[in-house]
């Protein structure tokens, strides 16, 4: 027969076992997920990898990033398949708000576009300061040109420059190559085929180790040296409108907007790239 002490110990062991089984059965809650649709430049430059962990830690959430061209990112937002969009095509962003897909657009940062090309510069654009003059010379020389061709902010900028010249390049033109890829892939294509291309400076700087055959020909060595104001490249962030798309996580999206435009995160954006390239890849401008 068991003593009272032995019975007590046995009961205690049973209770502890039951409690432990119950604790194991309770699974931790899944973290909230923010769906961010953004451009390839924020991803390819490494900026998102540098700053997003801070937001995820602060909000206890996970950010699922879809990096595509600006046109595709805005389409995802317009379909309610993203909670927030971070893009760079101001006309398209303003239309996104006008269509009711977002309540407001917020400035985040700015960088610039440049024209890069082969070192031997067959179109002779290296001394030009305006992108439209450079593109005209490329067309006149029938020099190979690589276009993203993906409805991105960069592609839209390229098309606007051609349009200012009264030129509509097509794939049927032997010198014009529509790649249909992101900026990183387009730069690699240009490097391998000795082609010119229009790129955001940040992606070029972050991938230039893979681009031995390309150099900056129009736009200078940094944003301050870029004399063509048409090549400025502002980025905006917009939380997708819950009135239009009830399934979005608007509260978390607005937390992201507030965090991205906060002085702390803006300082991190302004510092990104300084140590490696001697210049920021993006210049914060939320305060402006």
C-alpha atoms as a PDB file:
ATOM      1  CA  UNK A   1       0.000   0.000   0.000  1.00  0.00           C
ATOM      2  CA  UNK A   2       1.274   3.507  -0.885  1.00  0.00           C
ATOM      3  CA  UNK A   3       1.940   6.029   1.826  1.00  0.00           C
ATOM      4  CA  UNK A   4       0.262   9.438   1.803  1.00  0.00           C
ATOM      5  CA  UNK A   5       3.539  10.973   0.681  1.00  0.00           C
ATOM      6  CA  UNK A   6       3.849   8.540  -2.229  1.00  0.00           C
ATOM      7  CA  UNK A   7       0.231   9.215  -3.278  1.00  0.00           C
ATOM      8  CA  UNK A   8       0.815  12.952  -3.166  1.00  0.00           C
ATOM      9  CA  UNK A   9       3.967  12.655  -5.266  1.00  0.00           C
ATOM     10  CA  UNK A  10       2.176  10.444  -7.797  1.00  0.00           C
ATOM     11  CA  UNK A  11      -0.770  12.844  -8.091  1.00  0.00           C
ATOM     12  CA  UNK A  12       1.595  15.769  -8.440  1.00  0.00           C
ATOM     13  CA  UNK A  13       3.438  13.980 -11.233  1.00  0.00           C
ATOM     14  CA  UNK A  14       0.160  13.285 -13.036  1.00  0.00           C
ATOM     15  CA  UNK A  15      -0.966  16.926 -12.730  1.00  0.00           C
ATOM     16  CA  UNK A  16       2.393  18.189 -14.038  1.00  0.00           C
ATOM     17  CA  UNK A  17       2.207  15.790 -16.997  1.00  0.00           C
ATOM     18  CA  UNK A  18      -1.312  16.966 -17.875  1.00  0.00           C
ATOM     19  CA  UNK A  19      -0.264  20.618 -17.653  1.00  0.00           C
ATOM     20  CA  UNK A  20       2.748  20.009 -19.878  1.00  0.00           C
ATOM     21  CA  UNK A  21       0.583  18.196 -22.430  1.00  0.00           C
ATOM     22  CA  UNK A  22      -1.817  21.112 -22.428  1.00  0.00           C
ATOM     23  CA  UNK A  23       0.982  23.621 -22.889  1.00  0.00           C
ATOM     24  CA  UNK A  24       2.364  21.671 -25.851  1.00  0.00           C
ATOM     25  CA  UNK A  25      -1.088  21.540 -27.420  1.00  0.00           C
ATOM     26  CA  UNK A  26      -1.353  25.364 -27.417  1.00  0.00           C
ATOM     27  CA  UNK A  27       0.459  26.590 -30.509  1.00  0.00           C
ATOM     28  CA  UNK A  28       1.915  30.120 -30.581  1.00  0.00           C
ATOM     29  CA  UNK A  29      -0.121  32.597 -32.590  1.00  0.00           C
ATOM     30  CA  UNK A  30       1.105  33.214 -36.122  1.00  0.00           C
ATOM     31  CA  UNK A  31       2.638  36.683 -36.579  1.00  0.00           C
ATOM     32  CA  UNK A  32       0.681  39.204 -38.607  1.00  0.00           C
ATOM     33  CA  UNK A  33       1.769  39.432 -42.243  1.00  0.00           C
ATOM     34  CA  UNK A  34       2.214  42.647 -44.215  1.00  0.00           C
ATOM     35  CA  UNK A  35       2.129  42.204 -48.000  1.00  0.00           C
ATOM     36  CA  UNK A  36       4.502  44.740 -49.537  1.00  0.00           C
ATOM     37  CA  UNK A  37       4.480  45.233 -53.314  1.00  0.00           C
ATOM     38  CA  UNK A  38       7.530  47.202 -54.376  1.00  0.00           C
ATOM     39  CA  UNK A  39      10.002  47.771 -57.185  1.00  0.00           C
ATOM     40  CA  UNK A  40      13.006  45.666 -58.041  1.00  0.00           C
ATOM     41  CA  UNK A  41      15.306  48.595 -57.243  1.00  0.00           C
ATOM     42  CA  UNK A  42      14.485  48.541 -53.526  1.00  0.00           C
ATOM     43  CA  UNK A  43      15.157  44.800 -53.496  1.00  0.00           C
ATOM     44  CA  UNK A  44      18.151  44.596 -55.863  1.00  0.00           C
ATOM     45  CA  UNK A  45      19.929  47.459 -54.103  1.00  0.00           C
ATOM     46  CA  UNK A  46      19.775  45.568 -50.797  1.00  0.00           C
ATOM     47  CA  UNK A  47      17.889  48.391 -49.050  1.00  0.00           C
ATOM     48  CA  UNK A  48      14.968  46.226 -47.917  1.00  0.00           C
ATOM     49  CA  UNK A  49      17.269  43.605 -46.418  1.00  0.00           C
ATOM     50  CA  UNK A  50      18.985  46.372 -44.479  1.00  0.00           C
ATOM     51  CA  UNK A  51      15.917  48.057 -42.976  1.00  0.00           C
ATOM     52  CA  UNK A  52      12.950  45.638 -42.891  1.00  0.00           C
ATOM     53  CA  UNK A  53      14.164  43.496 -39.953  1.00  0.00           C
ATOM     54  CA  UNK A  54      13.812  46.572 -37.738  1.00  0.00           C
ATOM     55  CA  UNK A  55      10.140  46.962 -38.656  1.00  0.00           C
ATOM     56  CA  UNK A  56       9.431  43.263 -38.238  1.00  0.00           C
ATOM     57  CA  UNK A  57      11.007  43.352 -34.784  1.00  0.00           C
ATOM     58  CA  UNK A  58       9.113  46.467 -33.718  1.00  0.00           C
ATOM     59  CA  UNK A  59       5.680  45.297 -34.867  1.00  0.00           C
ATOM     60  CA  UNK A  60       6.125  41.569 -34.232  1.00  0.00           C
ATOM     61  CA  UNK A  61       5.077  40.843 -37.794  1.00  0.00           C
ATOM     62  CA  UNK A  62       6.442  39.392 -41.003  1.00  0.00           C
ATOM     63  CA  UNK A  63       6.787  41.367 -44.225  1.00  0.00           C
ATOM     64  CA  UNK A  64       6.199  39.381 -47.408  1.00  0.00           C
ATOM     65  CA  UNK A  65       7.897  41.273 -50.244  1.00  0.00           C
ATOM     66  CA  UNK A  66       6.893  41.031 -53.888  1.00  0.00           C
ATOM     67  CA  UNK A  67       9.514  42.920 -55.937  1.00  0.00           C
ATOM     68  CA  UNK A  68       8.309  43.650 -59.477  1.00  0.00           C
ATOM     69  CA  UNK A  69       8.075  46.644 -61.774  1.00  0.00           C
ATOM     70  CA  UNK A  70       6.108  49.642 -60.519  1.00  0.00           C
ATOM     71  CA  UNK A  71       3.254  48.905 -62.935  1.00  0.00           C
ATOM     72  CA  UNK A  72       2.876  45.365 -61.622  1.00  0.00           C
ATOM     73  CA  UNK A  73       3.205  46.523 -58.003  1.00  0.00           C
ATOM     74  CA  UNK A  74       0.387  49.025 -58.496  1.00  0.00           C
ATOM     75  CA  UNK A  75      -1.727  46.340 -60.174  1.00  0.00           C
ATOM     76  CA  UNK A  76      -1.284  44.115 -57.124  1.00  0.00           C
ATOM     77  CA  UNK A  77      -2.464  46.974 -54.929  1.00  0.00           C
ATOM     78  CA  UNK A  78      -5.397  47.743 -57.241  1.00  0.00           C
ATOM     79  CA  UNK A  79      -6.483  44.105 -56.993  1.00  0.00           C
ATOM     80  CA  UNK A  80      -6.243  44.094 -53.206  1.00  0.00           C
ATOM     81  CA  UNK A  81      -3.382  41.589 -53.347  1.00  0.00           C
ATOM     82  CA  UNK A  82      -1.033  43.879 -51.425  1.00  0.00           C
ATOM     83  CA  UNK A  83      -1.475  45.873 -48.227  1.00  0.00           C
ATOM     84  CA  UNK A  84       1.023  48.592 -49.082  1.00  0.00           C
ATOM     85  CA  UNK A  85       2.989  49.651 -52.169  1.00  0.00           C
ATOM     86  CA  UNK A  86       6.402  51.345 -52.381  1.00  0.00           C
ATOM     87  CA  UNK A  87       7.051  52.504 -55.950  1.00  0.00           C
ATOM     88  CA  UNK A  88       8.553  55.221 -58.166  1.00  0.00           C
ATOM     89  CA  UNK A  89       6.333  56.520 -60.940  1.00  0.00           C
ATOM     90  CA  UNK A  90       4.684  59.706 -59.714  1.00  0.00           C
ATOM     91  CA  UNK A  91       2.046  60.031 -62.437  1.00  0.00           C
ATOM     92  CA  UNK A  92       0.937  56.426 -61.930  1.00  0.00           C
ATOM     93  CA  UNK A  93       0.977  56.870 -58.138  1.00  0.00           C
ATOM     94  CA  UNK A  94      -1.261  59.937 -58.334  1.00  0.00           C
ATOM     95  CA  UNK A  95      -3.646  57.973 -60.562  1.00  0.00           C
ATOM     96  CA  UNK A  96      -3.612  55.116 -58.031  1.00  0.00           C
ATOM     97  CA  UNK A  97      -4.878  57.557 -55.385  1.00  0.00           C
ATOM     98  CA  UNK A  98      -7.371  59.201 -57.766  1.00  0.00           C
ATOM     99  CA  UNK A  99      -8.835  55.779 -58.561  1.00  0.00           C
ATOM    100  CA  UNK A 100      -9.524  55.201 -54.867  1.00  0.00           C
ATOM    101  CA  UNK A 101      -6.922  52.484 -54.410  1.00  0.00           C
ATOM    102  CA  UNK A 102      -5.156  54.519 -51.701  1.00  0.00           C
ATOM    103  CA  UNK A 103      -6.227  57.442 -49.565  1.00  0.00           C
ATOM    104  CA  UNK A 104      -2.906  59.272 -49.690  1.00  0.00           C
ATOM    105  CA  UNK A 105       0.629  59.109 -51.061  1.00  0.00           C
ATOM    106  CA  UNK A 106       3.650  59.805 -48.855  1.00  0.00           C
ATOM    107  CA  UNK A 107       7.136  60.872 -49.972  1.00  0.00           C
ATOM    108  CA  UNK A 108       9.844  58.432 -48.877  1.00  0.00           C
ATOM    109  CA  UNK A 109      13.105  58.983 -50.737  1.00  0.00           C
ATOM    110  CA  UNK A 110      14.673  59.977 -54.038  1.00  0.00           C
ATOM    111  CA  UNK A 111      17.550  58.815 -56.191  1.00  0.00           C
ATOM    112  CA  UNK A 112      18.229  59.357 -59.879  1.00  0.00           C
ATOM    113  CA  UNK A 113      18.415  57.672 -63.240  1.00  0.00           C
ATOM    114  CA  UNK A 114      21.624  57.424 -65.254  1.00  0.00           C
ATOM    115  CA  UNK A 115      22.579  56.066 -68.650  1.00  0.00           C
ATOM    116  CA  UNK A 116      25.264  53.404 -68.662  1.00  0.00           C
ATOM    117  CA  UNK A 117      26.874  51.771 -71.635  1.00  0.00           C
ATOM    118  CA  UNK A 118      29.944  50.115 -73.144  1.00  0.00           C
ATOM    119  CA  UNK A 119      33.343  51.621 -72.456  1.00  0.00           C
ATOM    120  CA  UNK A 120      34.034  52.324 -76.118  1.00  0.00           C
ATOM    121  CA  UNK A 121      30.808  54.393 -76.277  1.00  0.00           C
ATOM    122  CA  UNK A 122      29.947  53.854 -79.968  1.00  0.00           C
ATOM    123  CA  UNK A 123      27.178  56.505 -79.889  1.00  0.00           C
ATOM    124  CA  UNK A 124      29.510  59.141 -78.396  1.00  0.00           C
ATOM    125  CA  UNK A 125      27.275  60.226 -75.497  1.00  0.00           C
ATOM    126  CA  UNK A 126      29.869  60.520 -72.722  1.00  0.00           C
ATOM    127  CA  UNK A 127      30.022  64.337 -72.785  1.00  0.00           C
ATOM    128  CA  UNK A 128      26.256  64.855 -72.930  1.00  0.00           C
ATOM    129  CA  UNK A 129      24.333  66.102 -69.914  1.00  0.00           C
ATOM    130  CA  UNK A 130      20.736  65.505 -71.052  1.00  0.00           C
ATOM    131  CA  UNK A 131      19.268  62.031 -71.403  1.00  0.00           C
ATOM    132  CA  UNK A 132      17.174  62.982 -74.442  1.00  0.00           C
ATOM    133  CA  UNK A 133      20.281  64.064 -76.366  1.00  0.00           C
ATOM    134  CA  UNK A 134      21.984  60.805 -75.453  1.00  0.00           C
ATOM    135  CA  UNK A 135      19.047  58.657 -76.553  1.00  0.00           C
ATOM    136  CA  UNK A 136      18.823  60.538 -79.847  1.00  0.00           C
ATOM    137  CA  UNK A 137      22.503  59.835 -80.513  1.00  0.00           C
ATOM    138  CA  UNK A 138      22.004  56.167 -79.638  1.00  0.00           C
ATOM    139  CA  UNK A 139      19.110  55.953 -82.102  1.00  0.00           C
ATOM    140  CA  UNK A 140      21.000  57.843 -84.826  1.00  0.00           C
ATOM    141  CA  UNK A 141      24.010  55.546 -84.415  1.00  0.00           C
ATOM    142  CA  UNK A 142      21.756  52.468 -84.326  1.00  0.00           C
ATOM    143  CA  UNK A 143      23.736  51.455 -81.232  1.00  0.00           C
ATOM    144  CA  UNK A 144      22.339  48.586 -79.186  1.00  0.00           C
ATOM    145  CA  UNK A 145      19.967  49.677 -76.405  1.00  0.00           C
ATOM    146  CA  UNK A 146      18.471  47.468 -73.687  1.00  0.00           C
ATOM    147  CA  UNK A 147      15.036  48.440 -72.352  1.00  0.00           C
ATOM    148  CA  UNK A 148      13.428  46.860 -69.307  1.00  0.00           C
ATOM    149  CA  UNK A 149      10.181  46.641 -71.243  1.00  0.00           C
ATOM    150  CA  UNK A 150       8.229  45.717 -68.117  1.00  0.00           C
ATOM    151  CA  UNK A 151       5.974  48.741 -67.407  1.00  0.00           C
ATOM    152  CA  UNK A 152       8.165  49.631 -64.434  1.00  0.00           C
ATOM    153  CA  UNK A 153       8.902  53.151 -63.247  1.00  0.00           C
ATOM    154  CA  UNK A 154      12.237  52.985 -65.042  1.00  0.00           C
ATOM    155  CA  UNK A 155      10.593  51.769 -68.253  1.00  0.00           C
ATOM    156  CA  UNK A 156       8.018  54.574 -68.016  1.00  0.00           C
ATOM    157  CA  UNK A 157      10.806  57.126 -67.591  1.00  0.00           C
ATOM    158  CA  UNK A 158      12.638  55.748 -70.630  1.00  0.00           C
ATOM    159  CA  UNK A 159       9.466  55.882 -72.741  1.00  0.00           C
ATOM    160  CA  UNK A 160       8.795  59.468 -71.658  1.00  0.00           C
ATOM    161  CA  UNK A 161      12.255  60.503 -72.853  1.00  0.00           C
ATOM    162  CA  UNK A 162      11.772  58.810 -76.220  1.00  0.00           C
ATOM    163  CA  UNK A 163       8.352  60.489 -76.467  1.00  0.00           C
ATOM    164  CA  UNK A 164       9.909  63.932 -75.883  1.00  0.00           C
ATOM    165  CA  UNK A 165      11.982  63.237 -79.010  1.00  0.00           C
ATOM    166  CA  UNK A 166       8.976  62.120 -81.048  1.00  0.00           C
ATOM    167  CA  UNK A 167      10.417  58.596 -81.191  1.00  0.00           C
ATOM    168  CA  UNK A 168       8.540  55.380 -80.501  1.00  0.00           C
ATOM    169  CA  UNK A 169      11.080  52.533 -80.424  1.00  0.00           C
ATOM    170  CA  UNK A 170       9.774  49.046 -81.163  1.00  0.00           C
ATOM    171  CA  UNK A 171      11.139  45.528 -80.947  1.00  0.00           C
ATOM    172  CA  UNK A 172      11.246  45.444 -84.758  1.00  0.00           C
ATOM    173  CA  UNK A 173      14.143  47.923 -84.662  1.00  0.00           C
ATOM    174  CA  UNK A 174      17.267  45.765 -84.675  1.00  0.00           C
ATOM    175  CA  UNK A 175      19.156  48.041 -82.269  1.00  0.00           C
ATOM    176  CA  UNK A 176      16.353  48.148 -79.650  1.00  0.00           C
ATOM    177  CA  UNK A 177      16.093  45.228 -77.225  1.00  0.00           C
ATOM    178  CA  UNK A 178      13.049  44.954 -74.921  1.00  0.00           C
ATOM    179  CA  UNK A 179      14.230  42.584 -72.218  1.00  0.00           C
ATOM    180  CA  UNK A 180      11.042  42.283 -70.147  1.00  0.00           C
ATOM    181  CA  UNK A 181      13.055  41.832 -66.948  1.00  0.00           C
ATOM    182  CA  UNK A 182      13.926  43.678 -63.749  1.00  0.00           C
ATOM    183  CA  UNK A 183      16.731  46.204 -63.536  1.00  0.00           C
ATOM    184  CA  UNK A 184      19.401  43.796 -62.353  1.00  0.00           C
ATOM    185  CA  UNK A 185      18.741  41.350 -65.205  1.00  0.00           C
ATOM    186  CA  UNK A 186      18.582  44.184 -67.748  1.00  0.00           C
ATOM    187  CA  UNK A 187      21.967  45.507 -66.597  1.00  0.00           C
ATOM    188  CA  UNK A 188      23.494  42.044 -66.931  1.00  0.00           C
ATOM    189  CA  UNK A 189      22.019  41.754 -70.438  1.00  0.00           C
ATOM    190  CA  UNK A 190      23.480  45.153 -71.374  1.00  0.00           C
ATOM    191  CA  UNK A 191      26.855  44.145 -69.960  1.00  0.00           C
ATOM    192  CA  UNK A 192      26.900  40.903 -71.971  1.00  0.00           C
ATOM    193  CA  UNK A 193      25.704  42.470 -75.244  1.00  0.00           C
ATOM    194  CA  UNK A 194      27.580  45.820 -75.123  1.00  0.00           C
ATOM    195  CA  UNK A 195      24.326  47.754 -74.940  1.00  0.00           C
ATOM    196  CA  UNK A 196      23.314  51.072 -73.430  1.00  0.00           C
ATOM    197  CA  UNK A 197      20.522  51.193 -70.852  1.00  0.00           C
ATOM    198  CA  UNK A 198      18.714  53.571 -68.528  1.00  0.00           C
ATOM    199  CA  UNK A 199      18.972  52.499 -64.890  1.00  0.00           C
ATOM    200  CA  UNK A 200      18.419  53.836 -61.416  1.00  0.00           C
ATOM    201  CA  UNK A 201      21.789  54.657 -59.889  1.00  0.00           C
ATOM    202  CA  UNK A 202      21.213  52.535 -56.776  1.00  0.00           C
ATOM    203  CA  UNK A 203      20.800  49.257 -58.651  1.00  0.00           C
ATOM    204  CA  UNK A 204      23.794  50.022 -60.873  1.00  0.00           C
ATOM    205  CA  UNK A 205      26.057  50.780 -57.906  1.00  0.00           C
ATOM    206  CA  UNK A 206      24.953  47.706 -55.969  1.00  0.00           C
ATOM    207  CA  UNK A 207      25.559  45.385 -58.948  1.00  0.00           C
ATOM    208  CA  UNK A 208      28.514  47.067 -60.683  1.00  0.00           C
ATOM    209  CA  UNK A 209      30.903  44.312 -59.585  1.00  0.00           C
ATOM    210  CA  UNK A 210      29.024  42.090 -62.056  1.00  0.00           C
ATOM    211  CA  UNK A 211      29.149  44.709 -64.826  1.00  0.00           C
ATOM    212  CA  UNK A 212      32.794  45.052 -65.911  1.00  0.00           C
ATOM    213  CA  UNK A 213      31.878  46.222 -69.409  1.00  0.00           C
ATOM    214  CA  UNK A 214      29.563  49.077 -68.396  1.00  0.00           C
ATOM    215  CA  UNK A 215      30.361  52.600 -67.196  1.00  0.00           C
ATOM    216  CA  UNK A 216      28.248  55.645 -66.315  1.00  0.00           C
ATOM    217  CA  UNK A 217      28.066  57.873 -69.392  1.00  0.00           C
ATOM    218  CA  UNK A 218      25.258  60.331 -68.538  1.00  0.00           C
ATOM    219  CA  UNK A 219      24.384  61.471 -65.019  1.00  0.00           C
ATOM    220  CA  UNK A 220      27.769  61.982 -63.386  1.00  0.00           C
ATOM    221  CA  UNK A 221      29.301  60.077 -60.506  1.00  0.00           C
ATOM    222  CA  UNK A 222      26.594  61.037 -57.985  1.00  0.00           C
ATOM    223  CA  UNK A 223      23.193  62.702 -57.767  1.00  0.00           C
ATOM    224  CA  UNK A 224      24.695  66.164 -57.204  1.00  0.00           C
ATOM    225  CA  UNK A 225      26.568  65.896 -60.522  1.00  0.00           C
ATOM    226  CA  UNK A 226      23.483  64.868 -62.486  1.00  0.00           C
ATOM    227  CA  UNK A 227      22.575  67.981 -64.494  1.00  0.00           C
ATOM    228  CA  UNK A 228      19.399  66.540 -66.002  1.00  0.00           C
ATOM    229  CA  UNK A 229      16.595  67.246 -63.520  1.00  0.00           C
ATOM    230  CA  UNK A 230      14.290  65.042 -65.595  1.00  0.00           C
ATOM    231  CA  UNK A 231      16.315  62.096 -64.261  1.00  0.00           C
ATOM    232  CA  UNK A 232      15.332  62.623 -60.623  1.00  0.00           C
ATOM    233  CA  UNK A 233      13.536  59.536 -59.323  1.00  0.00           C
ATOM    234  CA  UNK A 234      11.198  60.034 -56.325  1.00  0.00           C
ATOM    235  CA  UNK A 235       9.689  57.097 -54.416  1.00  0.00           C
ATOM    236  CA  UNK A 236       6.311  57.091 -52.682  1.00  0.00           C
ATOM    237  CA  UNK A 237       4.522  54.740 -50.285  1.00  0.00           C
ATOM    238  CA  UNK A 238       0.763  54.143 -50.141  1.00  0.00           C
ATOM    239  CA  UNK A 239      -1.386  51.992 -47.891  1.00  0.00           C
ATOM    240  CA  UNK A 240      -4.071  50.258 -49.957  1.00  0.00           C
ATOM    241  CA  UNK A 241      -7.534  51.687 -49.275  1.00  0.00           C
ATOM    242  CA  UNK A 242      -9.686  49.371 -47.088  1.00  0.00           C
ATOM    243  CA  UNK A 243     -12.853  51.070 -48.357  1.00  0.00           C
ATOM    244  CA  UNK A 244     -12.078  49.793 -51.837  1.00  0.00           C
ATOM    245  CA  UNK A 245     -10.353  46.577 -50.758  1.00  0.00           C
ATOM    246  CA  UNK A 246     -11.835  45.385 -47.422  1.00  0.00           C
ATOM    247  CA  UNK A 247      -9.452  42.428 -47.129  1.00  0.00           C
ATOM    248  CA  UNK A 248      -6.266  44.465 -46.714  1.00  0.00           C
ATOM    249  CA  UNK A 249      -4.454  44.939 -43.409  1.00  0.00           C
ATOM    250  CA  UNK A 250      -4.772  48.713 -43.362  1.00  0.00           C
ATOM    251  CA  UNK A 251      -3.741  49.236 -39.737  1.00  0.00           C
ATOM    252  CA  UNK A 252      -0.474  47.339 -40.219  1.00  0.00           C
ATOM    253  CA  UNK A 253       0.095  49.099 -43.553  1.00  0.00           C
ATOM    254  CA  UNK A 254      -0.235  52.500 -41.873  1.00  0.00           C
ATOM    255  CA  UNK A 255       2.168  51.382 -39.150  1.00  0.00           C
ATOM    256  CA  UNK A 256       4.614  50.602 -41.950  1.00  0.00           C
ATOM    257  CA  UNK A 257       4.058  54.013 -43.566  1.00  0.00           C
ATOM    258  CA  UNK A 258       4.666  55.733 -40.239  1.00  0.00           C
ATOM    259  CA  UNK A 259       7.799  53.680 -39.601  1.00  0.00           C
ATOM    260  CA  UNK A 260       9.187  54.203 -43.132  1.00  0.00           C
ATOM    261  CA  UNK A 261       8.747  57.976 -42.945  1.00  0.00           C
ATOM    262  CA  UNK A 262       9.946  58.308 -39.336  1.00  0.00           C
ATOM    263  CA  UNK A 263      13.200  60.214 -38.638  1.00  0.00           C
ATOM    264  CA  UNK A 264      14.858  56.993 -37.420  1.00  0.00           C
ATOM    265  CA  UNK A 265      14.190  55.009 -40.592  1.00  0.00           C
ATOM    266  CA  UNK A 266      14.843  58.007 -42.824  1.00  0.00           C
ATOM    267  CA  UNK A 267      18.295  58.290 -41.257  1.00  0.00           C
ATOM    268  CA  UNK A 268      18.946  54.606 -42.010  1.00  0.00           C
ATOM    269  CA  UNK A 269      17.878  55.101 -45.614  1.00  0.00           C
ATOM    270  CA  UNK A 270      20.211  58.094 -45.939  1.00  0.00           C
ATOM    271  CA  UNK A 271      23.133  56.118 -44.543  1.00  0.00           C
ATOM    272  CA  UNK A 272      22.633  53.027 -46.683  1.00  0.00           C
ATOM    273  CA  UNK A 273      25.462  52.644 -49.183  1.00  0.00           C
ATOM    274  CA  UNK A 274      27.737  55.306 -47.712  1.00  0.00           C
ATOM    275  CA  UNK A 275      30.274  52.862 -46.325  1.00  0.00           C
ATOM    276  CA  UNK A 276      30.547  50.807 -49.526  1.00  0.00           C
ATOM    277  CA  UNK A 277      29.988  53.329 -52.311  1.00  0.00           C
ATOM    278  CA  UNK A 278      30.887  56.640 -50.708  1.00  0.00           C
ATOM    279  CA  UNK A 279      27.362  57.905 -51.363  1.00  0.00           C
ATOM    280  CA  UNK A 280      23.823  56.924 -50.356  1.00  0.00           C
ATOM    281  CA  UNK A 281      21.868  54.778 -52.784  1.00  0.00           C
ATOM    282  CA  UNK A 282      18.729  56.699 -51.772  1.00  0.00           C
ATOM    283  CA  UNK A 283      18.217  60.154 -50.286  1.00  0.00           C
ATOM    284  CA  UNK A 284      15.414  60.419 -47.692  1.00  0.00           C
ATOM    285  CA  UNK A 285      12.832  63.098 -48.356  1.00  0.00           C
ATOM    286  CA  UNK A 286       9.813  62.269 -46.178  1.00  0.00           C
ATOM    287  CA  UNK A 287      10.416  65.456 -44.196  1.00  0.00           C
ATOM    288  CA  UNK A 288      10.011  67.537 -47.328  1.00  0.00           C
END
